[in-house]
Amino acid sequence: MGGDYDGALVVRVRARAIDGAATEEALSAVADAFGQSRSTVELVHGQRSRTKIFEVCGDESALLERLAKLLARDR
């Protein structure tokens, strides 16, 4: 993870934005960060944008707790 920006989680990837490679890497990185399988993470908005919105399926309270820890980690 790359920290946070204005309350949003930043994900940095090395893959180039060719044929969706960067998006796929970001999906996998988000899944790993939340301790979920890749199949539980879906791109909701931003297929062709640097700013993307992902949905992570799972126990909401556990996911929110993990998000808070990820956001606080770099402060």
PDB file of N, CA and C in Angstrom:
ATOM      1  N   MET A   1       0.840  -1.171   0.000  1.00  0.00           N
ATOM      2  CA  MET A   1       0.000   0.000   0.000  1.00  0.00           C
ATOM      3  C   MET A   1       0.884   1.232   0.000  1.00  0.00           C
ATOM      4  N   GLY A   2       0.338   2.277  -0.525  1.00  0.00           N
ATOM      5  CA  GLY A   2       1.107   3.499  -0.666  1.00  0.00           C
ATOM      6  C   GLY A   2       0.704   4.606   0.272  1.00  0.00           C
ATOM      7  N   GLY A   3      -0.048   4.304   1.328  1.00  0.00           N
ATOM      8  CA  GLY A   3      -0.458   5.332   2.269  1.00  0.00           C
ATOM      9  C   GLY A   3      -1.865   5.836   2.001  1.00  0.00           C
ATOM     10  N   ASP A   4      -2.086   7.096   2.341  1.00  0.00           N
ATOM     11  CA  ASP A   4      -3.416   7.651   2.111  1.00  0.00           C
ATOM     12  C   ASP A   4      -3.297   9.042   1.510  1.00  0.00           C
ATOM     13  N   TYR A   5      -4.354   9.455   0.849  1.00  0.00           N
ATOM     14  CA  TYR A   5      -4.439  10.779   0.276  1.00  0.00           C
ATOM     15  C   TYR A   5      -5.843  11.289   0.503  1.00  0.00           C
ATOM     16  N   ASP A   6      -5.963  12.300   1.340  1.00  0.00           N
ATOM     17  CA  ASP A   6      -7.265  12.915   1.597  1.00  0.00           C
ATOM     18  C   ASP A   6      -8.303  11.891   2.081  1.00  0.00           C
ATOM     19  N   GLY A   7      -7.849  10.942   2.914  1.00  0.00           N
ATOM     20  CA  GLY A   7      -8.754   9.944   3.466  1.00  0.00           C
ATOM     21  C   GLY A   7      -8.976   8.720   2.604  1.00  0.00           C
ATOM     22  N   ALA A   8      -8.353   8.691   1.426  1.00  0.00           N
ATOM     23  CA  ALA A   8      -8.485   7.537   0.532  1.00  0.00           C
ATOM     24  C   ALA A   8      -7.208   6.705   0.594  1.00  0.00           C
ATOM     25  N   LEU A   9      -7.347   5.423   0.497  1.00  0.00           N
ATOM     26  CA  LEU A   9      -6.206   4.523   0.508  1.00  0.00           C
ATOM     27  C   LEU A   9      -5.507   4.588  -0.846  1.00  0.00           C
ATOM     28  N   VAL A  10      -4.200   4.761  -0.840  1.00  0.00           N
ATOM     29  CA  VAL A  10      -3.420   4.828  -2.072  1.00  0.00           C
ATOM     30  C   VAL A  10      -2.765   3.478  -2.304  1.00  0.00           C
ATOM     31  N   VAL A  11      -2.911   2.976  -3.519  1.00  0.00           N
ATOM     32  CA  VAL A  11      -2.304   1.702  -3.908  1.00  0.00           C
ATOM     33  C   VAL A  11      -1.320   1.989  -5.031  1.00  0.00           C
ATOM     34  N   ARG A  12      -0.065   1.633  -4.816  1.00  0.00           N
ATOM     35  CA  ARG A  12       0.943   1.823  -5.858  1.00  0.00           C
ATOM     36  C   ARG A  12       1.258   0.474  -6.479  1.00  0.00           C
ATOM     37  N   VAL A  13       1.307   0.454  -7.799  1.00  0.00           N
ATOM     38  CA  VAL A  13       1.631  -0.781  -8.517  1.00  0.00           C
ATOM     39  C   VAL A  13       2.750  -0.505  -9.506  1.00  0.00           C
ATOM     40  N   ARG A  14       3.431  -1.539  -9.903  1.00  0.00           N
ATOM     41  CA  ARG A  14       4.524  -1.417 -10.863  1.00  0.00           C
ATOM     42  C   ARG A  14       4.056  -1.673 -12.298  1.00  0.00           C
ATOM     43  N   ALA A  15       2.981  -2.394 -12.453  1.00  0.00           N
ATOM     44  CA  ALA A  15       2.508  -2.737 -13.797  1.00  0.00           C
ATOM     45  C   ALA A  15       2.103  -1.472 -14.552  1.00  0.00           C
ATOM     46  N   ARG A  16       2.320  -1.496 -15.839  1.00  0.00           N
ATOM     47  CA  ARG A  16       1.924  -0.373 -16.679  1.00  0.00           C
ATOM     48  C   ARG A  16       0.447  -0.487 -17.013  1.00  0.00           C
ATOM     49  N   ALA A  17      -0.140   0.645 -17.318  1.00  0.00           N
ATOM     50  CA  ALA A  17      -1.574   0.686 -17.632  1.00  0.00           C
ATOM     51  C   ALA A  17      -1.819   0.257 -19.077  1.00  0.00           C
ATOM     52  N   ILE A  18      -1.425  -0.959 -19.369  1.00  0.00           N
ATOM     53  CA  ILE A  18      -1.619  -1.529 -20.708  1.00  0.00           C
ATOM     54  C   ILE A  18      -2.447  -2.789 -20.556  1.00  0.00           C
ATOM     55  N   ASP A  19      -3.545  -2.838 -21.300  1.00  0.00           N
ATOM     56  CA  ASP A  19      -4.440  -4.001 -21.284  1.00  0.00           C
ATOM     57  C   ASP A  19      -4.928  -4.366 -19.884  1.00  0.00           C
ATOM     58  N   GLY A  20      -5.083  -3.374 -19.031  1.00  0.00           N
ATOM     59  CA  GLY A  20      -5.633  -3.604 -17.699  1.00  0.00           C
ATOM     60  C   GLY A  20      -4.673  -4.212 -16.697  1.00  0.00           C
ATOM     61  N   ALA A  21      -3.393  -4.288 -17.037  1.00  0.00           N
ATOM     62  CA  ALA A  21      -2.418  -4.927 -16.140  1.00  0.00           C
ATOM     63  C   ALA A  21      -2.305  -4.188 -14.809  1.00  0.00           C
ATOM     64  N   ALA A  22      -2.291  -2.857 -14.846  1.00  0.00           N
ATOM     65  CA  ALA A  22      -2.175  -2.085 -13.604  1.00  0.00           C
ATOM     66  C   ALA A  22      -3.422  -2.263 -12.743  1.00  0.00           C
ATOM     67  N   THR A  23      -4.579  -2.298 -13.370  1.00  0.00           N
ATOM     68  CA  THR A  23      -5.825  -2.494 -12.622  1.00  0.00           C
ATOM     69  C   THR A  23      -5.837  -3.867 -11.965  1.00  0.00           C
ATOM     70  N   GLU A  24      -5.433  -4.883 -12.690  1.00  0.00           N
ATOM     71  CA  GLU A  24      -5.393  -6.235 -12.117  1.00  0.00           C
ATOM     72  C   GLU A  24      -4.424  -6.314 -10.947  1.00  0.00           C
ATOM     73  N   GLU A  25      -3.281  -5.663 -11.082  1.00  0.00           N
ATOM     74  CA  GLU A  25      -2.313  -5.656  -9.984  1.00  0.00           C
ATOM     75  C   GLU A  25      -2.876  -4.915  -8.775  1.00  0.00           C
ATOM     76  N   ALA A  26      -3.596  -3.812  -9.022  1.00  0.00           N
ATOM     77  CA  ALA A  26      -4.216  -3.061  -7.932  1.00  0.00           C
ATOM     78  C   ALA A  26      -5.285  -3.902  -7.237  1.00  0.00           C
ATOM     79  N   LEU A  27      -6.084  -4.622  -8.006  1.00  0.00           N
ATOM     80  CA  LEU A  27      -7.109  -5.501  -7.416  1.00  0.00           C
ATOM     81  C   LEU A  27      -6.465  -6.543  -6.503  1.00  0.00           C
ATOM     82  N   SER A  28      -5.381  -7.141  -6.963  1.00  0.00           N
ATOM     83  CA  SER A  28      -4.682  -8.142  -6.149  1.00  0.00           C
ATOM     84  C   SER A  28      -4.058  -7.513  -4.910  1.00  0.00           C
ATOM     85  N   ALA A  29      -3.504  -6.306  -5.054  1.00  0.00           N
ATOM     86  CA  ALA A  29      -2.884  -5.617  -3.912  1.00  0.00           C
ATOM     87  C   ALA A  29      -3.920  -5.274  -2.849  1.00  0.00           C
ATOM     88  N   VAL A  30      -5.088  -4.827  -3.284  1.00  0.00           N
ATOM     89  CA  VAL A  30      -6.162  -4.512  -2.334  1.00  0.00           C
ATOM     90  C   VAL A  30      -6.608  -5.780  -1.614  1.00  0.00           C
ATOM     91  N   ALA A  31      -6.776  -6.854  -2.361  1.00  0.00           N
ATOM     92  CA  ALA A  31      -7.180  -8.128  -1.744  1.00  0.00           C
ATOM     93  C   ALA A  31      -6.160  -8.558  -0.694  1.00  0.00           C
ATOM     94  N   ASP A  32      -4.881  -8.492  -1.038  1.00  0.00           N
ATOM     95  CA  ASP A  32      -3.825  -8.867  -0.087  1.00  0.00           C
ATOM     96  C   ASP A  32      -3.842  -7.977   1.152  1.00  0.00           C
ATOM     97  N   ALA A  33      -4.002  -6.672   0.944  1.00  0.00           N
ATOM     98  CA  ALA A  33      -3.985  -5.731   2.060  1.00  0.00           C
ATOM     99  C   ALA A  33      -5.122  -5.989   3.039  1.00  0.00           C
ATOM    100  N   PHE A  34      -6.247  -6.464   2.522  1.00  0.00           N
ATOM    101  CA  PHE A  34      -7.398  -6.723   3.382  1.00  0.00           C
ATOM    102  C   PHE A  34      -7.487  -8.187   3.815  1.00  0.00           C
ATOM    103  N   GLY A  35      -6.512  -8.995   3.421  1.00  0.00           N
ATOM    104  CA  GLY A  35      -6.501 -10.404   3.803  1.00  0.00           C
ATOM    105  C   GLY A  35      -7.635 -11.192   3.166  1.00  0.00           C
ATOM    106  N   GLN A  36      -8.000 -10.798   1.961  1.00  0.00           N
ATOM    107  CA  GLN A  36      -9.108 -11.435   1.251  1.00  0.00           C
ATOM    108  C   GLN A  36      -8.578 -12.101  -0.013  1.00  0.00           C
ATOM    109  N   SER A  37      -9.384 -12.977  -0.587  1.00  0.00           N
ATOM    110  CA  SER A  37      -9.012 -13.558  -1.868  1.00  0.00           C
ATOM    111  C   SER A  37      -9.324 -12.549  -2.965  1.00  0.00           C
ATOM    112  N   ARG A  38      -8.654 -12.652  -4.064  1.00  0.00           N
ATOM    113  CA  ARG A  38      -8.828 -11.722  -5.177  1.00  0.00           C
ATOM    114  C   ARG A  38     -10.273 -11.702  -5.656  1.00  0.00           C
ATOM    115  N   SER A  39     -10.973 -12.819  -5.554  1.00  0.00           N
ATOM    116  CA  SER A  39     -12.357 -12.915  -6.046  1.00  0.00           C
ATOM    117  C   SER A  39     -13.333 -12.070  -5.225  1.00  0.00           C
ATOM    118  N   THR A  40     -12.914 -11.580  -4.062  1.00  0.00           N
ATOM    119  CA  THR A  40     -13.810 -10.768  -3.226  1.00  0.00           C
ATOM    120  C   THR A  40     -13.678  -9.279  -3.507  1.00  0.00           C
ATOM    121  N   VAL A  41     -12.771  -8.906  -4.413  1.00  0.00           N
ATOM    122  CA  VAL A  41     -12.537  -7.493  -4.721  1.00  0.00           C
ATOM    123  C   VAL A  41     -12.998  -7.205  -6.142  1.00  0.00           C
ATOM    124  N   GLU A  42     -13.781  -6.136  -6.272  1.00  0.00           N
ATOM    125  CA  GLU A  42     -14.334  -5.769  -7.572  1.00  0.00           C
ATOM    126  C   GLU A  42     -14.084  -4.286  -7.842  1.00  0.00           C
ATOM    127  N   LEU A  43     -13.750  -3.974  -9.082  1.00  0.00           N
ATOM    128  CA  LEU A  43     -13.607  -2.587  -9.490  1.00  0.00           C
ATOM    129  C   LEU A  43     -15.005  -2.032  -9.746  1.00  0.00           C
ATOM    130  N   VAL A  44     -15.364  -0.983  -9.008  1.00  0.00           N
ATOM    131  CA  VAL A  44     -16.699  -0.398  -9.121  1.00  0.00           C
ATOM    132  C   VAL A  44     -16.689   0.797 -10.074  1.00  0.00           C
ATOM    133  N   HIS A  45     -15.622   1.577 -10.044  1.00  0.00           N
ATOM    134  CA  HIS A  45     -15.556   2.782 -10.859  1.00  0.00           C
ATOM    135  C   HIS A  45     -14.105   3.123 -11.172  1.00  0.00           C
ATOM    136  N   GLY A  46     -13.834   3.580 -12.394  1.00  0.00           N
ATOM    137  CA  GLY A  46     -12.513   4.074 -12.736  1.00  0.00           C
ATOM    138  C   GLY A  46     -11.670   3.147 -13.572  1.00  0.00           C
ATOM    139  N   GLN A  47     -12.286   2.349 -14.406  1.00  0.00           N
ATOM    140  CA  GLN A  47     -11.533   1.388 -15.232  1.00  0.00           C
ATOM    141  C   GLN A  47     -10.378   2.059 -15.972  1.00  0.00           C
ATOM    142  N   ARG A  48     -10.577   3.228 -16.518  1.00  0.00           N
ATOM    143  CA  ARG A  48      -9.544   3.909 -17.303  1.00  0.00           C
ATOM    144  C   ARG A  48      -8.972   5.136 -16.587  1.00  0.00           C
ATOM    145  N   SER A  49      -9.193   5.221 -15.305  1.00  0.00           N
ATOM    146  CA  SER A  49      -8.752   6.379 -14.542  1.00  0.00           C
ATOM    147  C   SER A  49      -7.679   5.980 -13.529  1.00  0.00           C
ATOM    148  N   ARG A  50      -6.863   6.944 -13.135  1.00  0.00           N
ATOM    149  CA  ARG A  50      -5.900   6.678 -12.054  1.00  0.00           C
ATOM    150  C   ARG A  50      -6.611   6.536 -10.722  1.00  0.00           C
ATOM    151  N   THR A  51      -7.764   7.182 -10.599  1.00  0.00           N
ATOM    152  CA  THR A  51      -8.557   7.094  -9.381  1.00  0.00           C
ATOM    153  C   THR A  51      -9.597   6.006  -9.567  1.00  0.00           C
ATOM    154  N   LYS A  52      -9.555   5.013  -8.701  1.00  0.00           N
ATOM    155  CA  LYS A  52     -10.446   3.868  -8.819  1.00  0.00           C
ATOM    156  C   LYS A  52     -11.192   3.644  -7.515  1.00  0.00           C
ATOM    157  N   ILE A  53     -12.352   3.066  -7.622  1.00  0.00           N
ATOM    158  CA  ILE A  53     -13.128   2.686  -6.441  1.00  0.00           C
ATOM    159  C   ILE A  53     -13.309   1.177  -6.491  1.00  0.00           C
ATOM    160  N   PHE A  54     -12.893   0.529  -5.408  1.00  0.00           N
ATOM    161  CA  PHE A  54     -13.014  -0.920  -5.292  1.00  0.00           C
ATOM    162  C   PHE A  54     -14.032  -1.271  -4.230  1.00  0.00           C
ATOM    163  N   GLU A  55     -14.673  -2.400  -4.404  1.00  0.00           N
ATOM    164  CA  GLU A  55     -15.558  -2.949  -3.378  1.00  0.00           C
ATOM    165  C   GLU A  55     -14.939  -4.255  -2.899  1.00  0.00           C
ATOM    166  N   VAL A  56     -14.805  -4.369  -1.583  1.00  0.00           N
ATOM    167  CA  VAL A  56     -14.252  -5.580  -0.981  1.00  0.00           C
ATOM    168  C   VAL A  56     -15.376  -6.250  -0.211  1.00  0.00           C
ATOM    169  N   CYS A  57     -15.696  -7.467  -0.573  1.00  0.00           N
ATOM    170  CA  CYS A  57     -16.767  -8.211   0.106  1.00  0.00           C
ATOM    171  C   CYS A  57     -16.184  -8.969   1.292  1.00  0.00           C
ATOM    172  N   GLY A  58     -16.927  -8.969   2.377  1.00  0.00           N
ATOM    173  CA  GLY A  58     -16.497  -9.673   3.574  1.00  0.00           C
ATOM    174  C   GLY A  58     -17.183  -9.088   4.788  1.00  0.00           C
ATOM    175  N   ASP A  59     -16.698  -9.433   5.952  1.00  0.00           N
ATOM    176  CA  ASP A  59     -17.241  -8.930   7.204  1.00  0.00           C
ATOM    177  C   ASP A  59     -16.971  -7.430   7.289  1.00  0.00           C
ATOM    178  N   GLU A  60     -18.028  -6.632   7.251  1.00  0.00           N
ATOM    179  CA  GLU A  60     -17.888  -5.183   7.173  1.00  0.00           C
ATOM    180  C   GLU A  60     -17.082  -4.597   8.329  1.00  0.00           C
ATOM    181  N   SER A  61     -17.353  -5.037   9.539  1.00  0.00           N
ATOM    182  CA  SER A  61     -16.638  -4.460  10.680  1.00  0.00           C
ATOM    183  C   SER A  61     -15.154  -4.811  10.623  1.00  0.00           C
ATOM    184  N   ALA A  62     -14.812  -6.016  10.221  1.00  0.00           N
ATOM    185  CA  ALA A  62     -13.411  -6.411  10.109  1.00  0.00           C
ATOM    186  C   ALA A  62     -12.717  -5.639   8.990  1.00  0.00           C
ATOM    187  N   LEU A  63     -13.426  -5.432   7.880  1.00  0.00           N
ATOM    188  CA  LEU A  63     -12.844  -4.680   6.770  1.00  0.00           C
ATOM    189  C   LEU A  63     -12.628  -3.225   7.135  1.00  0.00           C
ATOM    190  N   LEU A  64     -13.582  -2.623   7.837  1.00  0.00           N
ATOM    191  CA  LEU A  64     -13.434  -1.229   8.266  1.00  0.00           C
ATOM    192  C   LEU A  64     -12.288  -1.085   9.261  1.00  0.00           C
ATOM    193  N   GLU A  65     -12.139  -2.050  10.141  1.00  0.00           N
ATOM    194  CA  GLU A  65     -11.030  -2.030  11.101  1.00  0.00           C
ATOM    195  C   GLU A  65      -9.700  -2.115  10.364  1.00  0.00           C
ATOM    196  N   ARG A  66      -9.626  -2.996   9.381  1.00  0.00           N
ATOM    197  CA  ARG A  66      -8.395  -3.143   8.598  1.00  0.00           C
ATOM    198  C   ARG A  66      -8.098  -1.859   7.815  1.00  0.00           C
ATOM    199  N   LEU A  67      -9.129  -1.246   7.243  1.00  0.00           N
ATOM    200  CA  LEU A  67      -8.954   0.006   6.508  1.00  0.00           C
ATOM    201  C   LEU A  67      -8.398   1.091   7.432  1.00  0.00           C
ATOM    202  N   ALA A  68      -8.943   1.191   8.626  1.00  0.00           N
ATOM    203  CA  ALA A  68      -8.459   2.183   9.586  1.00  0.00           C
ATOM    204  C   ALA A  68      -6.986   1.957   9.904  1.00  0.00           C
ATOM    205  N   LYS A  69      -6.587   0.712  10.057  1.00  0.00           N
ATOM    206  CA  LYS A  69      -5.180   0.401  10.344  1.00  0.00           C
ATOM    207  C   LYS A  69      -4.296   0.750   9.157  1.00  0.00           C
ATOM    208  N   LEU A  70      -4.764   0.459   7.952  1.00  0.00           N
ATOM    209  CA  LEU A  70      -3.984   0.782   6.760  1.00  0.00           C
ATOM    210  C   LEU A  70      -3.813   2.297   6.612  1.00  0.00           C
ATOM    211  N   LEU A  71      -4.873   3.040   6.866  1.00  0.00           N
ATOM    212  CA  LEU A  71      -4.811   4.488   6.747  1.00  0.00           C
ATOM    213  C   LEU A  71      -3.931   5.113   7.828  1.00  0.00           C
ATOM    214  N   ALA A  72      -3.928   4.529   9.025  1.00  0.00           N
ATOM    215  CA  ALA A  72      -3.169   5.072  10.141  1.00  0.00           C
ATOM    216  C   ALA A  72      -1.695   4.658  10.096  1.00  0.00           C
ATOM    217  N   ARG A  73      -1.391   3.629   9.359  1.00  0.00           N
ATOM    218  CA  ARG A  73      -0.045   3.063   9.337  1.00  0.00           C
ATOM    219  C   ARG A  73       1.029   4.071   8.927  1.00  0.00           C
ATOM    220  N   ASP A  74       0.721   4.938   7.994  1.00  0.00           N
ATOM    221  CA  ASP A  74       1.728   5.867   7.486  1.00  0.00           C
ATOM    222  C   ASP A  74       1.685   7.235   8.150  1.00  0.00           C
ATOM    223  N   ARG A  75       0.942   7.382   9.208  1.00  0.00           N
ATOM    224  CA  ARG A  75       0.847   8.692   9.877  1.00  0.00           C
ATOM    225  C   ARG A  75       1.832   8.804  10.989  1.00  0.00           C
TER     226      ARG A  75
END
